[in-house]
């Protein structure tokens, strides 16, 4: 019974894979541009500007957000470990970790990275 179910699962998975590939080939855009399909060489006029305006300050804020977001996700396992550890060490480690977060945000604030101009 288990062998039959596994075989059926593999057949269905294979059929879904083949169907997805066929639909991908059928539904793709089929226009070609001579300029885009030719190799790039010096002297060609570009179709559009390759440089788009980008706010470097927005990029900096996004990186700061990612760093602090990852640090906050590290706090979640500490909640679970509270049951298995000594309360003093749990509070000490959490206080130390939160102080690192606060010092980091204060540093960014003093540098002026968080001021949107």
PDB file of N, CA and C in Angstrom:
ATOM      1  N   UNK A   1       0.825  -1.199   0.000  1.00  0.00           N
ATOM      2  CA  UNK A   1       0.000   0.000   0.000  1.00  0.00           C
ATOM      3  C   UNK A   1       0.870   1.265   0.000  1.00  0.00           C
ATOM      4  N   UNK A   2       1.903   1.251   0.843  1.00  0.00           N
ATOM      5  CA  UNK A   2       2.785   2.415   0.929  1.00  0.00           C
ATOM      6  C   UNK A   2       3.559   2.620  -0.373  1.00  0.00           C
ATOM      7  N   UNK A   3       3.961   1.501  -0.999  1.00  0.00           N
ATOM      8  CA  UNK A   3       4.678   1.588  -2.262  1.00  0.00           C
ATOM      9  C   UNK A   3       3.790   2.189  -3.353  1.00  0.00           C
ATOM     10  N   UNK A   4       2.533   1.814  -3.355  1.00  0.00           N
ATOM     11  CA  UNK A   4       1.583   2.333  -4.330  1.00  0.00           C
ATOM     12  C   UNK A   4       1.365   3.837  -4.130  1.00  0.00           C
ATOM     13  N   UNK A   5       1.238   4.253  -2.889  1.00  0.00           N
ATOM     14  CA  UNK A   5       1.036   5.675  -2.601  1.00  0.00           C
ATOM     15  C   UNK A   5       2.265   6.495  -2.999  1.00  0.00           C
ATOM     16  N   UNK A   6       3.427   5.955  -2.739  1.00  0.00           N
ATOM     17  CA  UNK A   6       4.660   6.660  -3.094  1.00  0.00           C
ATOM     18  C   UNK A   6       4.800   6.769  -4.611  1.00  0.00           C
ATOM     19  N   UNK A   7       4.485   5.711  -5.320  1.00  0.00           N
ATOM     20  CA  UNK A   7       4.538   5.732  -6.781  1.00  0.00           C
ATOM     21  C   UNK A   7       3.533   6.732  -7.336  1.00  0.00           C
ATOM     22  N   UNK A   8       2.339   6.733  -6.786  1.00  0.00           N
ATOM     23  CA  UNK A   8       1.315   7.675  -7.222  1.00  0.00           C
ATOM     24  C   UNK A   8       1.744   9.118  -6.949  1.00  0.00           C
ATOM     25  N   UNK A   9       2.330   9.351  -5.800  1.00  0.00           N
ATOM     26  CA  UNK A   9       2.827  10.683  -5.461  1.00  0.00           C
ATOM     27  C   UNK A   9       3.902  11.131  -6.444  1.00  0.00           C
ATOM     28  N   UNK A  10       4.819  10.246  -6.788  1.00  0.00           N
ATOM     29  CA  UNK A  10       5.893  10.602  -7.721  1.00  0.00           C
ATOM     30  C   UNK A  10       5.345  10.868  -9.123  1.00  0.00           C
ATOM     31  N   UNK A  11       4.361  10.107  -9.545  1.00  0.00           N
ATOM     32  CA  UNK A  11       3.761  10.313 -10.868  1.00  0.00           C
ATOM     33  C   UNK A  11       3.039  11.655 -10.916  1.00  0.00           C
ATOM     34  N   UNK A  12       2.273  11.960  -9.875  1.00  0.00           N
ATOM     35  CA  UNK A  12       1.550  13.235  -9.837  1.00  0.00           C
ATOM     36  C   UNK A  12       2.536  14.405  -9.798  1.00  0.00           C
ATOM     37  N   UNK A  13       3.596  14.267  -9.017  1.00  0.00           N
ATOM     38  CA  UNK A  13       4.610  15.321  -8.958  1.00  0.00           C
ATOM     39  C   UNK A  13       5.262  15.523 -10.318  1.00  0.00           C
ATOM     40  N   UNK A  14       5.583  14.442 -10.999  1.00  0.00           N
ATOM     41  CA  UNK A  14       6.182  14.534 -12.328  1.00  0.00           C
ATOM     42  C   UNK A  14       5.219  15.182 -13.318  1.00  0.00           C
ATOM     43  N   UNK A  15       3.942  14.828 -13.265  1.00  0.00           N
ATOM     44  CA  UNK A  15       2.962  15.423 -14.170  1.00  0.00           C
ATOM     45  C   UNK A  15       2.793  16.923 -13.914  1.00  0.00           C
ATOM     46  N   UNK A  16       2.791  17.314 -12.656  1.00  0.00           N
ATOM     47  CA  UNK A  16       2.692  18.744 -12.336  1.00  0.00           C
ATOM     48  C   UNK A  16       3.920  19.485 -12.854  1.00  0.00           C
ATOM     49  N   UNK A  17       5.087  18.877 -12.716  1.00  0.00           N
ATOM     50  CA  UNK A  17       6.318  19.484 -13.211  1.00  0.00           C
ATOM     51  C   UNK A  17       6.271  19.660 -14.723  1.00  0.00           C
ATOM     52  N   UNK A  18       5.879  18.623 -15.441  1.00  0.00           N
ATOM     53  CA  UNK A  18       5.812  18.691 -16.901  1.00  0.00           C
ATOM     54  C   UNK A  18       4.756  19.707 -17.333  1.00  0.00           C
ATOM     55  N   UNK A  19       3.613  19.719 -16.670  1.00  0.00           N
ATOM     56  CA  UNK A  19       2.558  20.673 -17.004  1.00  0.00           C
ATOM     57  C   UNK A  19       3.023  22.112 -16.777  1.00  0.00           C
ATOM     58  N   UNK A  20       3.736  22.346 -15.699  1.00  0.00           N
ATOM     59  CA  UNK A  20       4.261  23.684 -15.427  1.00  0.00           C
ATOM     60  C   UNK A  20       5.264  24.109 -16.495  1.00  0.00           C
ATOM     61  N   UNK A  21       6.143  23.205 -16.895  1.00  0.00           N
ATOM     62  CA  UNK A  21       7.113  23.535 -17.939  1.00  0.00           C
ATOM     63  C   UNK A  21       6.436  23.819 -19.276  1.00  0.00           C
ATOM     64  N   UNK A  22       5.431  23.033 -19.621  1.00  0.00           N
ATOM     65  CA  UNK A  22       4.711  23.242 -20.886  1.00  0.00           C
ATOM     66  C   UNK A  22       3.977  24.579 -20.863  1.00  0.00           C
ATOM     67  N   UNK A  23       3.314  24.890 -19.744  1.00  0.00           N
ATOM     68  CA  UNK A  23       2.613  26.170 -19.644  1.00  0.00           C
ATOM     69  C   UNK A  23       3.583  27.346 -19.697  1.00  0.00           C
ATOM     70  N   UNK A  24       4.757  27.168 -19.159  1.00  0.00           N
ATOM     71  CA  UNK A  24       5.765  28.221 -19.213  1.00  0.00           C
ATOM     72  C   UNK A  24       6.203  28.485 -20.651  1.00  0.00           C
ATOM     73  N   UNK A  25       6.417  27.438 -21.415  1.00  0.00           N
ATOM     74  CA  UNK A  25       6.846  27.599 -22.808  1.00  0.00           C
ATOM     75  C   UNK A  25       5.725  28.204 -23.645  1.00  0.00           C
ATOM     76  N   UNK A  26       4.490  27.794 -23.393  1.00  0.00           N
ATOM     77  CA  UNK A  26       3.359  28.285 -24.180  1.00  0.00           C
ATOM     78  C   UNK A  26       3.053  29.749 -23.874  1.00  0.00           C
ATOM     79  N   UNK A  27       3.135  30.139 -22.618  1.00  0.00           N
ATOM     80  CA  UNK A  27       2.668  31.472 -22.222  1.00  0.00           C
ATOM     81  C   UNK A  27       3.737  32.559 -22.243  1.00  0.00           C
ATOM     82  N   UNK A  28       4.940  32.252 -22.667  1.00  0.00           N
ATOM     83  CA  UNK A  28       5.982  33.281 -22.647  1.00  0.00           C
ATOM     84  C   UNK A  28       5.787  34.264 -23.797  1.00  0.00           C
ATOM     85  N   UNK A  29       6.315  35.450 -23.613  1.00  0.00           N
ATOM     86  CA  UNK A  29       6.250  36.460 -24.661  1.00  0.00           C
ATOM     87  C   UNK A  29       7.188  36.043 -25.786  1.00  0.00           C
ATOM     88  N   UNK A  30       6.723  36.194 -27.006  1.00  0.00           N
ATOM     89  CA  UNK A  30       7.535  35.706 -28.124  1.00  0.00           C
ATOM     90  C   UNK A  30       7.880  36.822 -29.108  1.00  0.00           C
ATOM     91  N   UNK A  31       8.245  37.989 -28.602  1.00  0.00           N
ATOM     92  CA  UNK A  31       8.732  39.027 -29.501  1.00  0.00           C
ATOM     93  C   UNK A  31      10.225  39.192 -29.278  1.00  0.00           C
ATOM     94  N   UNK A  32      10.909  39.422 -30.365  1.00  0.00           N
ATOM     95  CA  UNK A  32      12.350  39.594 -30.248  1.00  0.00           C
ATOM     96  C   UNK A  32      12.729  40.970 -30.782  1.00  0.00           C
ATOM     97  N   UNK A  33      13.704  41.539 -30.173  1.00  0.00           N
ATOM     98  CA  UNK A  33      14.198  42.850 -30.571  1.00  0.00           C
ATOM     99  C   UNK A  33      15.636  42.665 -31.051  1.00  0.00           C
ATOM    100  N   UNK A  34      15.911  43.155 -32.249  1.00  0.00           N
ATOM    101  CA  UNK A  34      17.243  42.967 -32.817  1.00  0.00           C
ATOM    102  C   UNK A  34      18.308  43.608 -31.938  1.00  0.00           C
ATOM    103  N   UNK A  35      17.984  44.752 -31.360  1.00  0.00           N
ATOM    104  CA  UNK A  35      18.941  45.479 -30.533  1.00  0.00           C
ATOM    105  C   UNK A  35      19.237  44.717 -29.232  1.00  0.00           C
ATOM    106  N   UNK A  36      18.215  44.098 -28.660  1.00  0.00           N
ATOM    107  CA  UNK A  36      18.418  43.378 -27.399  1.00  0.00           C
ATOM    108  C   UNK A  36      19.081  42.021 -27.602  1.00  0.00           C
ATOM    109  N   UNK A  37      18.864  41.394 -28.753  1.00  0.00           N
ATOM    110  CA  UNK A  37      19.438  40.070 -28.973  1.00  0.00           C
ATOM    111  C   UNK A  37      20.864  40.125 -29.513  1.00  0.00           C
ATOM    112  N   UNK A  38      21.311  41.299 -29.927  1.00  0.00           N
ATOM    113  CA  UNK A  38      22.679  41.407 -30.429  1.00  0.00           C
ATOM    114  C   UNK A  38      23.642  41.604 -29.268  1.00  0.00           C
ATOM    115  N   UNK A  39      24.894  41.189 -29.437  1.00  0.00           N
ATOM    116  CA  UNK A  39      25.864  41.367 -28.351  1.00  0.00           C
ATOM    117  C   UNK A  39      26.207  42.840 -28.162  1.00  0.00           C
ATOM    118  N   UNK A  40      26.510  43.206 -26.937  1.00  0.00           N
ATOM    119  CA  UNK A  40      26.840  44.599 -26.637  1.00  0.00           C
ATOM    120  C   UNK A  40      28.270  44.888 -27.061  1.00  0.00           C
ATOM    121  N   UNK A  41      28.435  45.945 -27.798  1.00  0.00           N
ATOM    122  CA  UNK A  41      29.761  46.393 -28.201  1.00  0.00           C
ATOM    123  C   UNK A  41      29.828  47.892 -28.002  1.00  0.00           C
ATOM    124  N   UNK A  42      31.025  48.413 -27.928  1.00  0.00           N
ATOM    125  CA  UNK A  42      31.190  49.858 -27.802  1.00  0.00           C
ATOM    126  C   UNK A  42      30.658  50.527 -29.065  1.00  0.00           C
ATOM    127  N   UNK A  43      29.979  51.635 -28.879  1.00  0.00           N
ATOM    128  CA  UNK A  43      29.459  52.364 -30.019  1.00  0.00           C
ATOM    129  C   UNK A  43      27.970  52.196 -30.217  1.00  0.00           C
ATOM    130  N   UNK A  44      27.355  51.198 -29.576  1.00  0.00           N
ATOM    131  CA  UNK A  44      25.906  51.060 -29.692  1.00  0.00           C
ATOM    132  C   UNK A  44      25.235  52.132 -28.855  1.00  0.00           C
ATOM    133  N   UNK A  45      24.173  52.681 -29.364  1.00  0.00           N
ATOM    134  CA  UNK A  45      23.380  53.620 -28.580  1.00  0.00           C
ATOM    135  C   UNK A  45      22.477  52.822 -27.641  1.00  0.00           C
ATOM    136  N   UNK A  46      22.512  53.124 -26.362  1.00  0.00           N
ATOM    137  CA  UNK A  46      21.652  52.386 -25.435  1.00  0.00           C
ATOM    138  C   UNK A  46      20.184  52.741 -25.648  1.00  0.00           C
ATOM    139  N   UNK A  47      19.303  51.756 -25.402  1.00  0.00           N
ATOM    140  CA  UNK A  47      17.867  51.994 -25.557  1.00  0.00           C
ATOM    141  C   UNK A  47      17.338  52.917 -24.478  1.00  0.00           C
ATOM    142  N   UNK A  48      17.837  52.751 -23.270  1.00  0.00           N
ATOM    143  CA  UNK A  48      17.403  53.611 -22.166  1.00  0.00           C
ATOM    144  C   UNK A  48      18.573  53.779 -21.206  1.00  0.00           C
ATOM    145  N   UNK A  49      18.384  54.638 -20.248  1.00  0.00           N
ATOM    146  CA  UNK A  49      19.439  54.883 -19.271  1.00  0.00           C
ATOM    147  C   UNK A  49      19.582  53.676 -18.351  1.00  0.00           C
ATOM    148  N   UNK A  50      20.812  53.256 -18.133  1.00  0.00           N
ATOM    149  CA  UNK A  50      21.030  52.112 -17.251  1.00  0.00           C
ATOM    150  C   UNK A  50      21.077  52.528 -15.795  1.00  0.00           C
ATOM    151  N   UNK A  51      21.197  53.801 -15.543  1.00  0.00           N
ATOM    152  CA  UNK A  51      21.253  54.317 -14.177  1.00  0.00           C
ATOM    153  C   UNK A  51      19.927  54.981 -13.835  1.00  0.00           C
ATOM    154  N   UNK A  52      19.292  54.477 -12.809  1.00  0.00           N
ATOM    155  CA  UNK A  52      18.063  55.085 -12.325  1.00  0.00           C
ATOM    156  C   UNK A  52      18.372  55.837 -11.043  1.00  0.00           C
ATOM    157  N   UNK A  53      17.675  56.923 -10.777  1.00  0.00           N
ATOM    158  CA  UNK A  53      17.938  57.649  -9.532  1.00  0.00           C
ATOM    159  C   UNK A  53      17.601  56.783  -8.326  1.00  0.00           C
ATOM    160  N   UNK A  54      18.488  56.780  -7.348  1.00  0.00           N
ATOM    161  CA  UNK A  54      18.316  55.936  -6.172  1.00  0.00           C
ATOM    162  C   UNK A  54      18.763  56.711  -4.948  1.00  0.00           C
ATOM    163  N   UNK A  55      17.931  56.690  -3.939  1.00  0.00           N
ATOM    164  CA  UNK A  55      18.247  57.408  -2.711  1.00  0.00           C
ATOM    165  C   UNK A  55      19.174  56.555  -1.852  1.00  0.00           C
ATOM    166  N   UNK A  56      20.389  57.031  -1.661  1.00  0.00           N
ATOM    167  CA  UNK A  56      21.349  56.316  -0.833  1.00  0.00           C
ATOM    168  C   UNK A  56      20.910  56.310   0.625  1.00  0.00           C
ATOM    169  N   UNK A  57      20.238  57.373   1.041  1.00  0.00           N
ATOM    170  CA  UNK A  57      19.757  57.438   2.424  1.00  0.00           C
ATOM    171  C   UNK A  57      18.696  56.365   2.674  1.00  0.00           C
ATOM    172  N   UNK A  58      17.823  56.129   1.695  1.00  0.00           N
ATOM    173  CA  UNK A  58      16.827  55.066   1.826  1.00  0.00           C
ATOM    174  C   UNK A  58      17.510  53.709   1.958  1.00  0.00           C
ATOM    175  N   UNK A  59      18.555  53.492   1.184  1.00  0.00           N
ATOM    176  CA  UNK A  59      19.304  52.240   1.268  1.00  0.00           C
ATOM    177  C   UNK A  59      19.918  52.069   2.652  1.00  0.00           C
ATOM    178  N   UNK A  60      20.470  53.124   3.222  1.00  0.00           N
ATOM    179  CA  UNK A  60      21.061  53.075   4.557  1.00  0.00           C
ATOM    180  C   UNK A  60      20.008  52.751   5.611  1.00  0.00           C
ATOM    181  N   UNK A  61      18.843  53.382   5.512  1.00  0.00           N
ATOM    182  CA  UNK A  61      17.754  53.101   6.461  1.00  0.00           C
ATOM    183  C   UNK A  61      17.316  51.644   6.324  1.00  0.00           C
ATOM    184  N   UNK A  62      17.243  51.131   5.112  1.00  0.00           N
ATOM    185  CA  UNK A  62      16.837  49.738   4.905  1.00  0.00           C
ATOM    186  C   UNK A  62      17.846  48.778   5.522  1.00  0.00           C
ATOM    187  N   UNK A  63      19.126  49.044   5.382  1.00  0.00           N
ATOM    188  CA  UNK A  63      20.156  48.185   5.977  1.00  0.00           C
ATOM    189  C   UNK A  63      20.084  48.232   7.498  1.00  0.00           C
ATOM    190  N   UNK A  64      19.902  49.430   8.059  1.00  0.00           N
ATOM    191  CA  UNK A  64      19.774  49.550   9.517  1.00  0.00           C
ATOM    192  C   UNK A  64      18.555  48.773   9.999  1.00  0.00           C
ATOM    193  N   UNK A  65      17.448  48.872   9.264  1.00  0.00           N
ATOM    194  CA  UNK A  65      16.246  48.124   9.632  1.00  0.00           C
ATOM    195  C   UNK A  65      16.514  46.625   9.620  1.00  0.00           C
ATOM    196  N   UNK A  66      17.193  46.138   8.590  1.00  0.00           N
ATOM    197  CA  UNK A  66      17.473  44.705   8.517  1.00  0.00           C
ATOM    198  C   UNK A  66      18.343  44.236   9.677  1.00  0.00           C
ATOM    199  N   UNK A  67      19.349  45.019  10.029  1.00  0.00           N
ATOM    200  CA  UNK A  67      20.230  44.633  11.136  1.00  0.00           C
ATOM    201  C   UNK A  67      19.444  44.544  12.432  1.00  0.00           C
ATOM    202  N   UNK A  68      18.639  45.556  12.731  1.00  0.00           N
ATOM    203  CA  UNK A  68      17.882  45.535  13.980  1.00  0.00           C
ATOM    204  C   UNK A  68      16.760  44.505  13.940  1.00  0.00           C
ATOM    205  N   UNK A  69      16.207  44.243  12.772  1.00  0.00           N
ATOM    206  CA  UNK A  69      15.171  43.220  12.653  1.00  0.00           C
ATOM    207  C   UNK A  69      15.743  41.837  12.949  1.00  0.00           C
ATOM    208  N   UNK A  70      16.921  41.546  12.435  1.00  0.00           N
ATOM    209  CA  UNK A  70      17.563  40.256  12.717  1.00  0.00           C
ATOM    210  C   UNK A  70      17.911  40.145  14.194  1.00  0.00           C
ATOM    211  N   UNK A  71      18.369  41.233  14.789  1.00  0.00           N
ATOM    212  CA  UNK A  71      18.700  41.190  16.216  1.00  0.00           C
ATOM    213  C   UNK A  71      17.459  40.958  17.067  1.00  0.00           C
ATOM    214  N   UNK A  72      16.333  41.508  16.665  1.00  0.00           N
ATOM    215  CA  UNK A  72      15.104  41.294  17.430  1.00  0.00           C
ATOM    216  C   UNK A  72      14.623  39.856  17.274  1.00  0.00           C
ATOM    217  N   UNK A  73      14.812  39.251  16.108  1.00  0.00           N
ATOM    218  CA  UNK A  73      14.406  37.855  15.959  1.00  0.00           C
ATOM    219  C   UNK A  73      15.272  36.925  16.802  1.00  0.00           C
ATOM    220  N   UNK A  74      16.460  37.364  17.153  1.00  0.00           N
ATOM    221  CA  UNK A  74      17.305  36.566  18.050  1.00  0.00           C
ATOM    222  C   UNK A  74      16.719  36.556  19.461  1.00  0.00           C
ATOM    223  N   UNK A  75      15.924  37.559  19.791  1.00  0.00           N
ATOM    224  CA  UNK A  75      15.309  37.612  21.122  1.00  0.00           C
ATOM    225  C   UNK A  75      14.248  36.524  21.323  1.00  0.00           C
ATOM    226  N   UNK A  76      13.586  36.077  20.269  1.00  0.00           N
ATOM    227  CA  UNK A  76      12.499  35.113  20.417  1.00  0.00           C
ATOM    228  C   UNK A  76      12.936  33.789  21.045  1.00  0.00           C
ATOM    229  N   UNK A  77      14.053  33.190  20.641  1.00  0.00           N
ATOM    230  CA  UNK A  77      14.467  31.957  21.332  1.00  0.00           C
ATOM    231  C   UNK A  77      14.816  32.181  22.797  1.00  0.00           C
ATOM    232  N   UNK A  78      15.191  33.398  23.156  1.00  0.00           N
ATOM    233  CA  UNK A  78      15.505  33.671  24.559  1.00  0.00           C
ATOM    234  C   UNK A  78      14.268  33.543  25.436  1.00  0.00           C
ATOM    235  N   UNK A  79      13.106  33.814  24.888  1.00  0.00           N
ATOM    236  CA  UNK A  79      11.866  33.666  25.650  1.00  0.00           C
ATOM    237  C   UNK A  79      11.645  32.201  25.988  1.00  0.00           C
ATOM    238  N   UNK A  80      11.913  31.318  25.047  1.00  0.00           N
ATOM    239  CA  UNK A  80      11.744  29.884  25.283  1.00  0.00           C
ATOM    240  C   UNK A  80      12.790  29.378  26.270  1.00  0.00           C
ATOM    241  N   UNK A  81      14.002  29.912  26.182  1.00  0.00           N
ATOM    242  CA  UNK A  81      15.062  29.440  27.074  1.00  0.00           C
ATOM    243  C   UNK A  81      14.871  29.911  28.508  1.00  0.00           C
ATOM    244  N   UNK A  82      13.946  30.813  28.741  1.00  0.00           N
ATOM    245  CA  UNK A  82      13.698  31.304  30.093  1.00  0.00           C
ATOM    246  C   UNK A  82      13.263  30.170  31.014  1.00  0.00           C
ATOM    247  N   UNK A  83      12.523  29.212  30.492  1.00  0.00           N
ATOM    248  CA  UNK A  83      12.032  28.094  31.302  1.00  0.00           C
ATOM    249  C   UNK A  83      13.165  27.176  31.754  1.00  0.00           C
ATOM    250  N   UNK A  84      14.224  27.106  30.950  1.00  0.00           N
ATOM    251  CA  UNK A  84      15.271  26.128  31.216  1.00  0.00           C
ATOM    252  C   UNK A  84      16.518  26.710  31.861  1.00  0.00           C
ATOM    253  N   UNK A  85      16.545  27.997  32.139  1.00  0.00           N
ATOM    254  CA  UNK A  85      17.775  28.583  32.664  1.00  0.00           C
ATOM    255  C   UNK A  85      17.525  29.270  33.998  1.00  0.00           C
ATOM    256  N   UNK A  86      18.621  29.640  34.615  1.00  0.00           N
ATOM    257  CA  UNK A  86      18.569  30.378  35.862  1.00  0.00           C
ATOM    258  C   UNK A  86      18.037  31.784  35.571  1.00  0.00           C
ATOM    259  N   UNK A  87      17.161  32.296  36.410  1.00  0.00           N
ATOM    260  CA  UNK A  87      16.532  33.587  36.167  1.00  0.00           C
ATOM    261  C   UNK A  87      17.549  34.728  36.159  1.00  0.00           C
ATOM    262  N   UNK A  88      18.571  34.650  37.002  1.00  0.00           N
ATOM    263  CA  UNK A  88      19.595  35.700  37.033  1.00  0.00           C
ATOM    264  C   UNK A  88      20.328  35.789  35.697  1.00  0.00           C
ATOM    265  N   UNK A  89      20.776  34.635  35.172  1.00  0.00           N
ATOM    266  CA  UNK A  89      21.512  34.646  33.908  1.00  0.00           C
ATOM    267  C   UNK A  89      20.610  35.045  32.748  1.00  0.00           C
ATOM    268  N   UNK A  90      19.356  34.632  32.824  1.00  0.00           N
ATOM    269  CA  UNK A  90      18.405  35.012  31.778  1.00  0.00           C
ATOM    270  C   UNK A  90      18.243  36.533  31.739  1.00  0.00           C
ATOM    271  N   UNK A  91      18.029  37.158  32.893  1.00  0.00           N
ATOM    272  CA  UNK A  91      17.862  38.609  32.943  1.00  0.00           C
ATOM    273  C   UNK A  91      19.154  39.334  32.566  1.00  0.00           C
ATOM    274  N   UNK A  92      20.296  38.801  33.008  1.00  0.00           N
ATOM    275  CA  UNK A  92      21.581  39.418  32.684  1.00  0.00           C
ATOM    276  C   UNK A  92      21.834  39.408  31.176  1.00  0.00           C
ATOM    277  N   UNK A  93      21.616  38.266  30.536  1.00  0.00           N
ATOM    278  CA  UNK A  93      21.853  38.170  29.089  1.00  0.00           C
ATOM    279  C   UNK A  93      20.880  39.037  28.300  1.00  0.00           C
ATOM    280  N   UNK A  94      19.617  39.040  28.715  1.00  0.00           N
ATOM    281  CA  UNK A  94      18.650  39.887  28.011  1.00  0.00           C
ATOM    282  C   UNK A  94      18.974  41.366  28.188  1.00  0.00           C
ATOM    283  N   UNK A  95      19.366  41.759  29.394  1.00  0.00           N
ATOM    284  CA  UNK A  95      19.742  43.151  29.637  1.00  0.00           C
ATOM    285  C   UNK A  95      20.953  43.532  28.782  1.00  0.00           C
ATOM    286  N   UNK A  96      21.933  42.654  28.720  1.00  0.00           N
ATOM    287  CA  UNK A  96      23.131  42.905  27.919  1.00  0.00           C
ATOM    288  C   UNK A  96      22.777  43.037  26.435  1.00  0.00           C
ATOM    289  N   UNK A  97      21.931  42.160  25.951  1.00  0.00           N
ATOM    290  CA  UNK A  97      21.534  42.173  24.546  1.00  0.00           C
ATOM    291  C   UNK A  97      20.733  43.433  24.218  1.00  0.00           C
ATOM    292  N   UNK A  98      19.796  43.798  25.080  1.00  0.00           N
ATOM    293  CA  UNK A  98      19.002  45.006  24.858  1.00  0.00           C
ATOM    294  C   UNK A  98      19.894  46.249  24.914  1.00  0.00           C
ATOM    295  N   UNK A  99      20.893  46.245  25.797  1.00  0.00           N
ATOM    296  CA  UNK A  99      21.807  47.387  25.870  1.00  0.00           C
ATOM    297  C   UNK A  99      22.609  47.530  24.574  1.00  0.00           C
ATOM    298  N   UNK A 100      22.997  46.416  23.971  1.00  0.00           N
ATOM    299  CA  UNK A 100      23.692  46.478  22.674  1.00  0.00           C
ATOM    300  C   UNK A 100      22.775  47.091  21.619  1.00  0.00           C
ATOM    301  N   UNK A 101      21.502  46.689  21.615  1.00  0.00           N
ATOM    302  CA  UNK A 101      20.543  47.266  20.669  1.00  0.00           C
ATOM    303  C   UNK A 101      20.377  48.769  20.894  1.00  0.00           C
ATOM    304  N   UNK A 102      20.243  49.165  22.158  1.00  0.00           N
ATOM    305  CA  UNK A 102      20.050  50.586  22.465  1.00  0.00           C
ATOM    306  C   UNK A 102      21.292  51.392  22.086  1.00  0.00           C
ATOM    307  N   UNK A 103      22.478  50.866  22.388  1.00  0.00           N
ATOM    308  CA  UNK A 103      23.705  51.574  22.010  1.00  0.00           C
ATOM    309  C   UNK A 103      23.830  51.700  20.489  1.00  0.00           C
ATOM    310  N   UNK A 104      23.422  50.667  19.774  1.00  0.00           N
ATOM    311  CA  UNK A 104      23.464  50.728  18.310  1.00  0.00           C
ATOM    312  C   UNK A 104      22.528  51.780  17.752  1.00  0.00           C
ATOM    313  N   UNK A 105      21.310  51.842  18.281  1.00  0.00           N
ATOM    314  CA  UNK A 105      20.355  52.834  17.775  1.00  0.00           C
ATOM    315  C   UNK A 105      20.774  54.244  18.172  1.00  0.00           C
ATOM    316  N   UNK A 106      21.374  54.408  19.369  1.00  0.00           N
ATOM    317  CA  UNK A 106      21.876  55.726  19.772  1.00  0.00           C
ATOM    318  C   UNK A 106      23.042  56.168  18.886  1.00  0.00           C
ATOM    319  N   UNK A 107      23.896  55.239  18.518  1.00  0.00           N
ATOM    320  CA  UNK A 107      25.007  55.565  17.621  1.00  0.00           C
ATOM    321  C   UNK A 107      24.482  56.034  16.262  1.00  0.00           C
ATOM    322  N   UNK A 108      23.498  55.310  15.720  1.00  0.00           N
ATOM    323  CA  UNK A 108      22.925  55.704  14.429  1.00  0.00           C
ATOM    324  C   UNK A 108      22.246  57.066  14.534  1.00  0.00           C
ATOM    325  N   UNK A 109      21.615  57.323  15.656  1.00  0.00           N
ATOM    326  CA  UNK A 109      20.943  58.600  15.858  1.00  0.00           C
ATOM    327  C   UNK A 109      21.965  59.745  15.932  1.00  0.00           C
ATOM    328  N   UNK A 110      23.057  59.516  16.686  1.00  0.00           N
ATOM    329  CA  UNK A 110      24.091  60.548  16.800  1.00  0.00           C
ATOM    330  C   UNK A 110      24.804  60.803  15.475  1.00  0.00           C
ATOM    331  N   UNK A 111      24.940  59.780  14.655  1.00  0.00           N
ATOM    332  CA  UNK A 111      25.569  59.945  13.343  1.00  0.00           C
ATOM    333  C   UNK A 111      24.666  60.697  12.371  1.00  0.00           C
ATOM    334  N   UNK A 112      23.374  60.778  12.696  1.00  0.00           N
ATOM    335  CA  UNK A 112      22.419  61.453  11.812  1.00  0.00           C
ATOM    336  C   UNK A 112      21.876  60.557  10.730  1.00  0.00           C
ATOM    337  N   UNK A 113      22.064  59.260  10.858  1.00  0.00           N
ATOM    338  CA  UNK A 113      21.592  58.333   9.833  1.00  0.00           C
ATOM    339  C   UNK A 113      20.077  58.197   9.826  1.00  0.00           C
ATOM    340  N   UNK A 114      19.436  58.499  10.939  1.00  0.00           N
ATOM    341  CA  UNK A 114      17.994  58.320  11.035  1.00  0.00           C
ATOM    342  C   UNK A 114      17.220  59.584  10.688  1.00  0.00           C
ATOM    343  N   UNK A 115      17.906  60.686  10.418  1.00  0.00           N
ATOM    344  CA  UNK A 115      17.236  61.934  10.042  1.00  0.00           C
ATOM    345  C   UNK A 115      16.911  61.902   8.558  1.00  0.00           C
ATOM    346  N   UNK A 116      15.634  61.958   8.235  1.00  0.00           N
ATOM    347  CA  UNK A 116      15.215  61.949   6.838  1.00  0.00           C
ATOM    348  C   UNK A 116      15.182  63.386   6.343  1.00  0.00           C
ATOM    349  N   UNK A 117      15.988  63.685   5.347  1.00  0.00           N
ATOM    350  CA  UNK A 117      16.089  65.068   4.857  1.00  0.00           C
ATOM    351  C   UNK A 117      15.380  65.221   3.540  1.00  0.00           C
TER     352      UNK A 117
END
